[in-house]
Amino acid sequence: MADKEIIQHTAQYVARNGRNFLMPLSDREKNNPQFEFLKAGSDNFKYFTALVDGYTRIINFTASDVERLEVVAIDRDYILSKCL
């Protein structure tokens, strides 16, 4: 599995199982170079945490989020202003 795929799959797993899962994983894989991205000083740590945040938002998407998006989607001027 490529490094990028490992980061993505790990981020998905952390998003599903909560950040409490992250510390034991980091401890267990601290000597594994494939999981270097779990260390705060790593080049890919920021990418990994951004993925975890994004996946968490998707997993926790609620009905009220859908309603809010439906209202905003009707307003073409709002959408255009966001695009610009």
C-alpha atoms as a PDB file:
ATOM      1  CA  MET A   1       0.000   0.000   0.000  1.00  0.00           C
ATOM      2  CA  ALA A   2       1.358   3.419  -0.925  1.00  0.00           C
ATOM      3  CA  ASP A   3       2.177   5.917   1.807  1.00  0.00           C
ATOM      4  CA  LYS A   4      -0.708   8.198   0.795  1.00  0.00           C
ATOM      5  CA  GLU A   5      -3.167   5.311   1.041  1.00  0.00           C
ATOM      6  CA  ILE A   6      -1.874   4.364   4.498  1.00  0.00           C
ATOM      7  CA  ILE A   7      -2.369   7.959   5.664  1.00  0.00           C
ATOM      8  CA  GLN A   8      -5.894   8.086   4.218  1.00  0.00           C
ATOM      9  CA  HIS A   9      -6.965   4.739   5.654  1.00  0.00           C
ATOM     10  CA  THR A  10      -5.510   5.556   9.058  1.00  0.00           C
ATOM     11  CA  ALA A  11      -7.285   8.938   9.052  1.00  0.00           C
ATOM     12  CA  GLN A  12     -10.583   7.225   8.226  1.00  0.00           C
ATOM     13  CA  TYR A  13     -10.097   4.734  11.041  1.00  0.00           C
ATOM     14  CA  VAL A  14      -9.251   7.491  13.535  1.00  0.00           C
ATOM     15  CA  ALA A  15     -12.298   9.499  12.403  1.00  0.00           C
ATOM     16  CA  ARG A  16     -14.554   6.472  12.936  1.00  0.00           C
ATOM     17  CA  ASN A  17     -13.057   5.342  16.238  1.00  0.00           C
ATOM     18  CA  GLY A  18     -12.254   8.710  17.790  1.00  0.00           C
ATOM     19  CA  ARG A  19      -9.025  10.448  18.634  1.00  0.00           C
ATOM     20  CA  ASN A  20      -8.619   8.240  21.713  1.00  0.00           C
ATOM     21  CA  PHE A  21      -7.533   5.545  19.260  1.00  0.00           C
ATOM     22  CA  LEU A  22      -4.673   7.706  18.011  1.00  0.00           C
ATOM     23  CA  MET A  23      -2.385   7.562  21.065  1.00  0.00           C
ATOM     24  CA  PRO A  24      -2.226   3.742  21.338  1.00  0.00           C
ATOM     25  CA  LEU A  25      -1.698   3.541  17.578  1.00  0.00           C
ATOM     26  CA  SER A  26       1.152   6.076  17.745  1.00  0.00           C
ATOM     27  CA  ASP A  27       2.774   4.147  20.605  1.00  0.00           C
ATOM     28  CA  ARG A  28       2.432   0.815  18.832  1.00  0.00           C
ATOM     29  CA  GLU A  29       3.800   2.082  15.498  1.00  0.00           C
ATOM     30  CA  LYS A  30       6.448   4.512  16.780  1.00  0.00           C
ATOM     31  CA  ASN A  31       9.283   2.512  15.192  1.00  0.00           C
ATOM     32  CA  ASN A  32       7.457   1.814  11.934  1.00  0.00           C
ATOM     33  CA  PRO A  33       8.607   4.243   9.200  1.00  0.00           C
ATOM     34  CA  GLN A  34       5.305   3.799   7.336  1.00  0.00           C
ATOM     35  CA  PHE A  35       3.547   5.549  10.241  1.00  0.00           C
ATOM     36  CA  GLU A  36       5.988   8.464  10.532  1.00  0.00           C
ATOM     37  CA  PHE A  37       3.056  10.795   9.729  1.00  0.00           C
ATOM     38  CA  LEU A  38       1.653  10.161  13.228  1.00  0.00           C
ATOM     39  CA  LYS A  39       4.482  12.224  14.729  1.00  0.00           C
ATOM     40  CA  ALA A  40       3.781  15.942  15.118  1.00  0.00           C
ATOM     41  CA  GLY A  41       7.087  16.934  13.517  1.00  0.00           C
ATOM     42  CA  SER A  42       6.500  14.873  10.390  1.00  0.00           C
ATOM     43  CA  ASP A  43       6.013  16.476   6.980  1.00  0.00           C
ATOM     44  CA  ASN A  44       2.700  14.640   6.538  1.00  0.00           C
ATOM     45  CA  PHE A  45       1.277  15.191  10.037  1.00  0.00           C
ATOM     46  CA  LYS A  46      -0.657  18.299   9.001  1.00  0.00           C
ATOM     47  CA  TYR A  47      -2.104  16.457   6.000  1.00  0.00           C
ATOM     48  CA  PHE A  48      -3.094  13.523   8.217  1.00  0.00           C
ATOM     49  CA  THR A  49      -4.841  15.706  10.820  1.00  0.00           C
ATOM     50  CA  ALA A  50      -6.676  17.629   8.072  1.00  0.00           C
ATOM     51  CA  LEU A  51      -7.947  14.317   6.691  1.00  0.00           C
ATOM     52  CA  VAL A  52      -9.084  13.188  10.146  1.00  0.00           C
ATOM     53  CA  ASP A  53     -10.972  16.465  10.613  1.00  0.00           C
ATOM     54  CA  GLY A  54     -12.595  16.200   7.183  1.00  0.00           C
ATOM     55  CA  TYR A  55     -13.598  12.560   7.575  1.00  0.00           C
ATOM     56  CA  THR A  56     -14.972  13.298  11.055  1.00  0.00           C
ATOM     57  CA  ARG A  57     -17.157  16.103   9.651  1.00  0.00           C
ATOM     58  CA  ILE A  58     -18.495  13.757   6.975  1.00  0.00           C
ATOM     59  CA  ILE A  59     -19.213  10.959   9.438  1.00  0.00           C
ATOM     60  CA  ASN A  60     -20.993  13.328  11.826  1.00  0.00           C
ATOM     61  CA  PHE A  61     -23.079  15.056   9.134  1.00  0.00           C
ATOM     62  CA  THR A  62     -26.584  15.679  10.510  1.00  0.00           C
ATOM     63  CA  ALA A  63     -30.036  16.312   9.088  1.00  0.00           C
ATOM     64  CA  SER A  64     -29.763  19.970  10.119  1.00  0.00           C
ATOM     65  CA  ASP A  65     -26.550  20.232   8.064  1.00  0.00           C
ATOM     66  CA  VAL A  66     -28.450  18.930   5.038  1.00  0.00           C
ATOM     67  CA  GLU A  67     -31.276  21.427   5.620  1.00  0.00           C
ATOM     68  CA  ARG A  68     -28.794  24.302   5.874  1.00  0.00           C
ATOM     69  CA  LEU A  69     -27.113  23.252   2.625  1.00  0.00           C
ATOM     70  CA  GLU A  70     -30.458  22.961   0.842  1.00  0.00           C
ATOM     71  CA  VAL A  71     -31.297  26.550   1.788  1.00  0.00           C
ATOM     72  CA  VAL A  72     -27.896  27.854   0.696  1.00  0.00           C
ATOM     73  CA  ALA A  73     -27.952  25.873  -2.569  1.00  0.00           C
ATOM     74  CA  ILE A  74     -30.959  27.893  -3.780  1.00  0.00           C
ATOM     75  CA  ASP A  75     -29.113  31.217  -3.457  1.00  0.00           C
ATOM     76  CA  ARG A  76     -27.074  31.547  -6.665  1.00  0.00           C
ATOM     77  CA  ASP A  77     -25.537  34.864  -5.604  1.00  0.00           C
ATOM     78  CA  TYR A  78     -24.241  33.324  -2.379  1.00  0.00           C
ATOM     79  CA  ILE A  79     -22.735  30.379  -4.271  1.00  0.00           C
ATOM     80  CA  LEU A  80     -21.124  32.687  -6.819  1.00  0.00           C
ATOM     81  CA  SER A  81     -19.644  34.890  -4.079  1.00  0.00           C
ATOM     82  CA  LYS A  82     -18.128  31.808  -2.403  1.00  0.00           C
ATOM     83  CA  CYS A  83     -16.648  30.651  -5.717  1.00  0.00           C
ATOM     84  CA  LEU A  84     -15.070  34.023  -6.386  1.00  0.00           C
END
